[in-house]
Amino acid sequence: MNQIRKKRLYNILLVSLFSVSGISLILYSLNSNLDYFFTPTELKEQNISSDKRIKIGGMVLEGSVFRNDSNISFTVTDYESFVRVEFKGIVPDLFQEGSGVVALGYLNDEVFYAVLIRQFHKLENALFRHFSSQDLTPKNSQMHHINH
């Protein structure tokens, strides 16, 4: 084989190897930092391990917020199912009952332990309520918990 062709072939192989390695590292990095989003109804249908970090979103159920120092517990609903959330820390200023919330954390024994709480904006609240349910009140006062 000609010396120039050999060198060209090695260069192509080297560039290809680095390209595949770079793309693999990028895909691995993106996948390891990925947090899946669930509503309470979707959580009921999924089997999620307690070490998997996820996001849940929905509305804070009226009358469900309890505070004890920096600990807060509340219920998130999509007006079909409910999930109990425990959080230690400071919630956003606009956090209140009846407002939209997204929590990042871990599900363990049907309780969601949040490490971060985010608040929906007014438009997102309106859209969530519109698409979640025609009737904005739960059909009964009994809470439907997540079944694993």
Protein backbone atom coordinates (compact mmCIF):
# COMPACT_ATOMS: atom_id res chain seq x y z
CA MET A 1 0.00 0.00 0.00
CA ASN A 2 1.20 3.47 -0.81
CA GLN A 3 2.63 5.42 2.17
CA ILE A 4 0.30 8.41 1.60
CA ARG A 5 -2.79 6.14 1.50
CA LYS A 6 -1.67 4.42 4.71
CA LYS A 7 -1.27 7.72 6.50
CA ARG A 8 -4.65 8.93 5.20
CA LEU A 9 -6.34 5.69 6.35
CA TYR A 10 -4.80 6.00 9.85
CA ASN A 11 -5.95 9.61 10.08
CA ILE A 12 -9.51 8.66 9.09
CA LEU A 13 -9.55 5.82 11.64
CA LEU A 14 -8.17 8.12 14.36
CA VAL A 15 -10.74 10.86 13.68
CA SER A 16 -13.53 8.25 13.62
CA LEU A 17 -12.38 6.76 16.94
CA PHE A 18 -12.29 10.18 18.64
CA SER A 19 -15.69 11.11 17.17
CA VAL A 20 -17.33 7.90 18.43
CA SER A 21 -15.68 8.35 21.85
CA GLY A 22 -16.85 11.96 22.12
CA ILE A 23 -20.41 11.15 21.10
CA SER A 24 -20.50 8.25 23.59
CA LEU A 25 -19.34 10.49 26.44
CA ILE A 26 -21.93 13.14 25.58
CA LEU A 27 -24.77 10.59 25.44
CA TYR A 28 -23.69 9.00 28.74
CA SER A 29 -23.52 12.42 30.42
CA LEU A 30 -26.96 13.42 29.15
CA ASN A 31 -28.52 10.14 30.28
CA SER A 32 -27.03 10.24 33.79
CA ASN A 33 -28.41 13.77 34.40
CA LEU A 34 -31.88 13.02 33.08
CA ASP A 35 -34.81 13.38 35.50
CA TYR A 36 -38.15 11.91 34.42
CA PHE A 37 -41.35 13.86 35.08
CA PHE A 38 -44.50 12.16 36.40
CA THR A 39 -47.96 13.21 37.51
CA PRO A 40 -49.46 11.41 40.54
CA THR A 41 -51.59 9.24 38.23
CA GLU A 42 -48.54 8.24 36.17
CA LEU A 43 -46.63 7.42 39.37
CA LYS A 44 -49.40 5.03 40.36
CA GLU A 45 -48.89 3.14 37.09
CA GLN A 46 -45.06 2.99 37.34
CA ASN A 47 -42.70 0.88 39.41
CA ILE A 48 -39.91 3.30 40.36
CA SER A 49 -36.98 2.33 42.53
CA SER A 50 -36.31 4.44 45.61
CA ASP A 51 -32.82 5.41 44.36
CA LYS A 52 -34.12 6.90 41.07
CA ARG A 53 -34.38 10.69 41.13
CA ILE A 54 -37.57 11.93 39.46
CA LYS A 55 -39.77 15.01 39.19
CA ILE A 56 -43.44 15.07 40.09
CA GLY A 57 -45.84 17.82 39.24
CA GLY A 58 -49.38 18.82 39.97
CA MET A 59 -51.44 21.04 42.19
CA VAL A 60 -50.97 21.45 45.95
CA LEU A 61 -54.16 20.05 47.48
CA GLU A 62 -56.19 22.51 49.55
CA GLY A 63 -55.86 21.84 53.30
CA SER A 64 -52.88 19.50 52.90
CA VAL A 65 -49.95 21.77 53.84
CA PHE A 66 -48.42 21.17 57.27
CA ARG A 67 -45.33 23.04 58.51
CA ASN A 68 -43.00 22.17 61.37
CA ASP A 69 -39.99 24.52 61.55
CA SER A 70 -38.23 24.07 58.21
CA ASN A 71 -40.06 20.82 57.44
CA ILE A 72 -43.11 20.99 55.22
CA SER A 73 -45.42 18.23 54.06
CA PHE A 74 -48.20 18.55 51.51
CA THR A 75 -50.15 16.55 48.96
CA VAL A 76 -49.71 16.92 45.20
CA THR A 77 -52.68 15.99 43.03
CA ASP A 78 -53.60 15.89 39.37
CA TYR A 79 -57.26 15.61 40.47
CA GLU A 80 -57.22 11.87 39.81
CA SER A 81 -54.54 10.62 42.24
CA PHE A 82 -52.56 11.98 45.15
CA VAL A 83 -48.93 11.80 46.34
CA ARG A 84 -47.72 12.87 49.79
CA VAL A 85 -44.59 15.08 49.61
CA GLU A 86 -42.09 15.71 52.42
CA PHE A 87 -39.57 18.56 52.10
CA LYS A 88 -36.99 20.06 54.44
CA GLY A 89 -35.99 23.55 53.45
CA ILE A 90 -37.40 26.81 52.18
CA VAL A 91 -40.18 26.67 49.61
CA PRO A 92 -40.65 29.39 46.96
CA ASP A 93 -42.39 32.58 48.08
CA LEU A 94 -45.45 31.90 45.93
CA PHE A 95 -45.92 28.37 47.29
CA GLN A 96 -49.50 27.95 48.54
CA GLU A 97 -52.41 25.57 48.58
CA GLY A 98 -54.17 25.33 45.24
CA SER A 99 -51.11 26.36 43.23
CA GLY A 100 -49.01 24.33 40.84
CA VAL A 101 -45.76 22.76 41.96
CA VAL A 102 -42.91 20.66 40.57
CA ALA A 103 -40.78 18.71 43.04
CA LEU A 104 -37.48 16.96 42.41
CA GLY A 105 -36.63 14.03 44.66
CA TYR A 106 -37.12 10.35 45.45
CA LEU A 107 -40.18 8.16 45.91
CA ASN A 108 -39.99 5.76 48.87
CA ASP A 109 -42.89 3.82 50.43
CA GLU A 110 -45.55 5.91 48.65
CA VAL A 111 -44.07 9.17 50.03
CA PHE A 112 -42.13 11.55 47.81
CA TYR A 113 -39.07 13.04 49.54
CA ALA A 114 -38.30 16.28 47.72
CA VAL A 115 -34.88 17.88 47.55
CA LEU A 116 -36.06 20.85 45.45
CA ILE A 117 -39.43 22.57 45.05
CA ARG A 118 -40.37 24.76 42.08
CA GLN A 119 -43.51 26.84 41.66
CA PHE A 120 -45.71 27.00 38.54
CA HIS A 121 -46.58 30.39 37.15
CA LYS A 122 -50.18 31.54 36.78
CA LEU A 123 -50.43 30.56 33.10
CA GLU A 124 -49.04 27.10 33.82
CA ASN A 125 -51.55 26.71 36.68
CA ALA A 126 -54.42 27.59 34.36
CA LEU A 127 -53.22 25.21 31.64
CA PHE A 128 -52.64 22.39 34.11
CA ARG A 129 -56.11 22.79 35.59
CA HIS A 130 -57.70 23.00 32.16
CA PHE A 131 -56.09 19.83 30.83
CA SER A 132 -56.13 17.82 34.08
CA SER A 133 -59.82 17.67 34.75
CA GLN A 134 -63.12 19.19 33.78
CA ASP A 135 -64.27 19.16 37.41
CA LEU A 136 -61.57 20.77 39.57
CA THR A 137 -62.68 19.13 42.81
CA PRO A 138 -61.88 15.51 43.69
CA LYS A 139 -64.86 13.18 43.31
CA ASN A 140 -64.59 12.09 46.95
CA SER A 141 -62.55 13.05 49.94
CA GLN A 142 -60.76 9.72 50.08
CA MET A 143 -57.14 9.94 48.90
CA HIS A 144 -55.92 7.40 46.37
CA HIS A 145 -52.36 6.50 47.21
CA ILE A 146 -49.68 5.09 44.95
CA ASN A 147 -49.60 1.30 44.73
CA HIS A 148 -46.31 -0.40 43.87
